[in-house]
N, C-alpha and C. Protein backbone atom coordinates (compact mmCIF):
# COMPACT_ATOMS: atom_id res chain seq x y z
N MET A 1 170.82 126.03 -84.38
CA MET A 1 172.31 126.77 -84.15
C MET A 1 173.56 125.75 -83.36
N GLU A 2 174.47 125.73 -84.68
CA GLU A 2 175.68 124.70 -83.77
C GLU A 2 176.92 125.57 -82.84
N HIS A 3 176.98 124.15 -81.84
CA HIS A 3 177.80 124.98 -80.82
C HIS A 3 179.17 124.95 -80.74
N LYS A 4 179.67 125.52 -81.28
CA LYS A 4 181.74 124.89 -81.37
C LYS A 4 182.11 124.23 -80.24
N ILE A 5 183.03 123.33 -80.90
CA ILE A 5 182.99 122.28 -80.29
C ILE A 5 184.62 122.07 -79.30
N TYR A 6 184.57 121.86 -77.58
CA TYR A 6 186.40 122.40 -77.85
C TYR A 6 186.92 121.29 -77.07
N ARG A 7 188.63 120.76 -76.97
CA ARG A 7 188.54 119.93 -76.08
C ARG A 7 189.69 119.95 -75.95
N LEU A 8 189.31 119.98 -74.23
CA LEU A 8 189.82 120.12 -73.12
C LEU A 8 190.37 119.08 -72.77
N LEU A 9 191.10 119.20 -71.59
CA LEU A 9 191.87 118.04 -70.26
C LEU A 9 190.72 117.32 -69.43
N GLY A 10 190.79 116.89 -69.17
CA GLY A 10 189.90 115.95 -67.75
C GLY A 10 190.81 115.76 -66.88
N PRO A 11 190.50 115.76 -65.04
CA PRO A 11 191.26 115.60 -64.16
C PRO A 11 191.78 113.89 -64.43
N ASP A 12 191.54 112.92 -65.09
CA ASP A 12 192.30 112.15 -65.45
C ASP A 12 192.89 112.14 -66.65
N ARG A 13 192.86 113.05 -67.67
CA ARG A 13 194.21 113.34 -67.74
C ARG A 13 193.93 113.09 -69.19
N ALA A 14 192.39 112.61 -69.47
CA ALA A 14 191.78 112.42 -70.64
C ALA A 14 191.48 113.22 -71.58
N PHE A 15 191.42 113.32 -72.49
CA PHE A 15 190.90 114.61 -73.72
C PHE A 15 188.89 114.41 -73.71
N TYR A 16 188.14 115.49 -73.77
CA TYR A 16 186.57 115.40 -73.97
C TYR A 16 185.94 116.64 -74.58
N ASP A 17 185.50 116.33 -75.36
CA ASP A 17 184.66 117.36 -75.96
C ASP A 17 184.12 118.09 -75.15
N SER A 18 184.37 119.98 -75.13
CA SER A 18 182.76 120.90 -74.62
C SER A 18 182.41 121.43 -74.99
N THR A 19 181.11 121.68 -75.14
CA THR A 19 180.60 122.97 -76.06
C THR A 19 180.92 124.73 -74.74
N THR A 20 181.66 124.36 -73.90
CA THR A 20 182.36 125.86 -73.42
C THR A 20 183.40 125.90 -73.30
N PRO A 21 184.72 126.94 -73.13
CA PRO A 21 185.55 127.07 -73.73
C PRO A 21 185.78 126.70 -72.34
N GLY A 22 187.98 125.87 -72.00
CA GLY A 22 188.44 126.34 -71.17
C GLY A 22 188.08 127.48 -70.80
N LEU A 23 189.13 127.79 -69.20
CA LEU A 23 189.05 128.98 -68.80
C LEU A 23 190.41 129.18 -68.40
N PHE A 24 191.23 127.48 -68.20
CA PHE A 24 192.78 128.11 -68.06
C PHE A 24 193.49 127.53 -69.77
N GLY A 25 194.83 127.71 -69.78
CA GLY A 25 195.88 127.15 -70.54
C GLY A 25 196.83 126.28 -69.87
N GLY A 26 197.10 125.54 -70.75
CA GLY A 26 198.33 125.09 -70.09
C GLY A 26 199.29 124.38 -70.68
N HIS A 27 200.24 123.90 -70.48
CA HIS A 27 201.72 123.80 -71.47
C HIS A 27 201.28 121.17 -70.64
N ALA A 28 201.45 120.58 -71.81
CA ALA A 28 201.51 119.54 -71.19
C ALA A 28 202.70 118.36 -71.21
N LYS A 29 203.77 119.54 -71.69
CA LYS A 29 205.13 118.73 -71.60
C LYS A 29 205.52 119.15 -70.00
N GLN A 30 205.49 120.91 -69.73
CA GLN A 30 205.48 121.10 -68.38
C GLN A 30 205.01 120.93 -67.20
N ARG A 31 203.71 120.47 -67.28
CA ARG A 31 202.80 120.14 -66.93
C ARG A 31 202.56 121.87 -66.09
N ILE A 32 202.32 122.46 -66.77
CA ILE A 32 202.14 124.25 -65.55
C ILE A 32 200.87 124.17 -66.64
N TYR A 33 199.64 125.28 -65.56
CA TYR A 33 198.66 125.70 -66.24
C TYR A 33 198.46 127.17 -65.92
N GLY A 34 197.72 128.13 -66.35
CA GLY A 34 197.52 129.36 -66.16
C GLY A 34 196.20 130.02 -66.94
N ARG A 35 195.91 131.12 -66.37
CA ARG A 35 195.07 131.96 -67.27
C ARG A 35 194.94 132.45 -68.89
N LEU A 36 194.39 132.54 -69.49
CA LEU A 36 194.64 132.95 -71.05
C LEU A 36 195.06 133.78 -71.27
N ASP A 37 195.41 134.99 -70.59
CA ASP A 37 195.73 136.25 -70.72
C ASP A 37 197.26 136.25 -69.93
N CYS A 38 197.78 135.11 -69.32
CA CYS A 38 199.01 135.13 -69.03
C CYS A 38 200.11 135.42 -70.27
N ARG A 39 200.77 136.99 -69.38
CA ARG A 39 202.09 137.42 -70.22
C ARG A 39 203.26 136.11 -70.67
N ALA A 40 203.57 135.44 -69.32
CA ALA A 40 204.58 134.33 -70.16
C ALA A 40 204.01 133.46 -70.85
N ALA A 41 202.88 132.58 -71.13
CA ALA A 41 202.58 132.20 -72.15
C ALA A 41 202.17 132.76 -73.37
N GLY A 42 202.00 134.03 -73.42
CA GLY A 42 201.54 134.76 -74.59
C GLY A 42 203.16 134.61 -75.26
N ARG A 43 204.52 135.12 -74.67
CA ARG A 43 205.49 135.49 -74.97
C ARG A 43 205.97 133.58 -75.43
N ALA A 44 205.83 132.81 -75.56
CA ALA A 44 205.57 131.48 -75.42
C ALA A 44 205.21 131.14 -76.39
N LEU A 45 203.88 131.69 -76.66
CA LEU A 45 203.13 131.24 -78.25
C LEU A 45 203.83 131.93 -79.30
N GLY A 46 204.58 133.08 -78.88
CA GLY A 46 204.85 134.23 -80.28
C GLY A 46 205.94 133.33 -81.00
N ARG A 47 206.67 132.53 -79.69
CA ARG A 47 208.25 132.57 -80.09
C ARG A 47 208.50 130.65 -80.68
N ALA A 48 207.87 130.40 -80.46
CA ALA A 48 207.56 128.94 -81.12
C ALA A 48 206.80 128.00 -81.29
N ASP A 49 206.67 127.58 -82.21
CA ASP A 49 205.28 126.42 -82.73
C ASP A 49 205.61 125.42 -81.64
N THR A 50 206.36 124.84 -80.92
CA THR A 50 206.46 123.71 -80.60
C THR A 50 205.35 123.65 -79.16
N TYR A 51 205.35 124.80 -79.04
CA TYR A 51 204.61 125.31 -77.44
C TYR A 51 202.99 125.39 -77.76
N ARG A 52 202.83 125.93 -78.65
CA ARG A 52 201.29 125.21 -79.62
C ARG A 52 201.07 123.88 -79.45
N ARG A 53 201.50 123.27 -79.62
CA ARG A 53 201.93 122.12 -80.04
C ARG A 53 201.26 121.14 -78.88
N HIS A 54 202.03 121.18 -77.44
CA HIS A 54 201.27 120.53 -76.33
C HIS A 54 200.79 121.57 -75.77
N ARG A 55 200.12 122.78 -76.12
CA ARG A 55 198.75 123.30 -75.57
C ARG A 55 197.79 122.84 -74.96
N VAL A 56 197.35 122.97 -73.86
CA VAL A 56 195.88 121.81 -73.33
C VAL A 56 195.31 122.99 -72.40
N PHE A 57 193.95 122.58 -72.46
CA PHE A 57 192.62 123.61 -71.67
C PHE A 57 191.80 122.93 -71.24
N PHE A 58 191.94 123.40 -69.36
CA PHE A 58 190.69 123.08 -68.96
C PHE A 58 189.87 123.80 -68.32
N ALA A 59 188.78 123.20 -68.01
CA ALA A 59 188.01 123.73 -67.33
C ALA A 59 187.83 124.90 -66.18
N ASP A 60 189.05 124.54 -65.31
CA ASP A 60 188.48 125.47 -64.11
C ASP A 60 189.82 124.48 -63.52
N GLU A 61 190.66 125.59 -62.30
CA GLU A 61 191.63 125.24 -62.29
C GLU A 61 191.64 124.20 -61.13
N ALA A 62 190.76 123.48 -60.62
CA ALA A 62 190.01 122.01 -60.48
C ALA A 62 190.50 120.73 -60.31
N THR A 63 190.20 121.05 -61.85
CA THR A 63 190.75 120.13 -62.90
C THR A 63 191.99 119.73 -63.09
N ALA A 64 193.03 121.21 -63.63
CA ALA A 64 193.78 121.30 -64.27
C ALA A 64 194.85 120.82 -62.80
N LEU A 65 194.57 120.97 -61.26
CA LEU A 65 194.91 120.41 -60.46
C LEU A 65 195.06 118.99 -60.26
N ALA A 66 194.08 118.77 -60.57
CA ALA A 66 193.30 116.97 -60.10
C ALA A 66 194.65 116.05 -60.86
N ALA A 67 194.71 117.14 -62.56
CA ALA A 67 195.56 116.45 -63.80
C ALA A 67 196.94 116.64 -63.49
N GLY A 68 197.43 116.78 -62.50
CA GLY A 68 198.63 117.01 -62.47
C GLY A 68 199.45 117.75 -62.83
N TYR A 69 199.04 119.36 -62.57
CA TYR A 69 200.05 120.44 -63.02
C TYR A 69 199.53 121.40 -62.07
N ARG A 70 200.92 122.15 -62.06
CA ARG A 70 201.29 123.19 -60.76
C ARG A 70 200.99 124.59 -61.53
N PRO A 71 200.71 125.37 -60.94
CA PRO A 71 199.88 126.62 -61.79
C PRO A 71 201.75 127.46 -61.92
N CYS A 72 201.08 128.68 -62.66
CA CYS A 72 202.17 129.10 -63.15
C CYS A 72 202.25 130.52 -62.19
N GLY A 73 204.04 130.41 -61.98
CA GLY A 73 205.08 131.19 -60.87
C GLY A 73 204.51 133.17 -61.85
N VAL A 74 203.43 133.03 -63.22
CA VAL A 74 203.59 134.62 -63.44
C VAL A 74 202.27 135.10 -62.78
N CYS A 75 201.49 134.29 -63.93
CA CYS A 75 200.12 134.67 -63.43
C CYS A 75 198.96 134.55 -62.48
N LEU A 76 199.68 133.61 -61.72
CA LEU A 76 199.11 132.65 -60.51
C LEU A 76 200.10 132.73 -59.75
N ARG A 77 200.52 134.21 -59.16
CA ARG A 77 201.08 133.84 -58.43
C ARG A 77 200.55 133.37 -56.82
N LEU A 78 200.14 133.99 -56.54
CA LEU A 78 199.39 133.47 -54.88
C LEU A 78 199.21 131.66 -55.14
N GLN A 79 198.10 131.65 -55.87
CA GLN A 79 197.98 129.78 -56.01
C GLN A 79 199.89 129.06 -56.45
N TYR A 80 200.49 129.61 -56.92
CA TYR A 80 202.01 128.89 -57.25
C TYR A 80 202.72 129.10 -55.68
N ARG A 81 202.62 130.01 -55.26
CA ARG A 81 203.32 130.06 -53.58
C ARG A 81 202.84 129.07 -52.80
N ALA A 82 201.33 128.63 -52.60
CA ALA A 82 201.05 127.74 -51.91
C ALA A 82 200.64 126.51 -51.77
N TRP A 83 200.84 126.36 -53.55
CA TRP A 83 201.29 125.25 -54.58
C TRP A 83 203.17 124.72 -53.67
N ARG A 84 203.21 126.06 -54.09
CA ARG A 84 204.54 125.63 -53.28
C ARG A 84 204.88 125.10 -51.68
N ALA A 85 204.30 125.96 -51.26
CA ALA A 85 204.51 125.89 -50.07
C ALA A 85 204.38 124.26 -49.08
N ALA A 86 203.23 123.86 -50.42
CA ALA A 86 202.38 122.72 -50.04
C ALA A 86 203.05 121.37 -50.50
N ILE A 87 204.48 122.08 -51.10
CA ILE A 87 205.07 120.55 -51.80
C ILE A 87 206.46 119.85 -50.66
N LYS A 88 206.87 121.63 -50.19
CA LYS A 88 208.03 121.23 -49.52
C LYS A 88 207.67 120.26 -48.09
């Protein structure tokens, strides 16, 4: 049985192949990550192909943070507030 291969971004910002899909999506230019069901990302994906070109996926939140991405203020509101408080 063949497994589907997913391309994920690692903490070192290098892509790697995984048989497990990412749990979080992100935008490489904006350096934001969030849940796959985020309504803000859903709207952006529906509006422009340019957003889709910069879409990346992460195995978990720790990896997204280690890669230098910030939490989404829409779908990860509590994490976003904590992130903002930490950078002030």
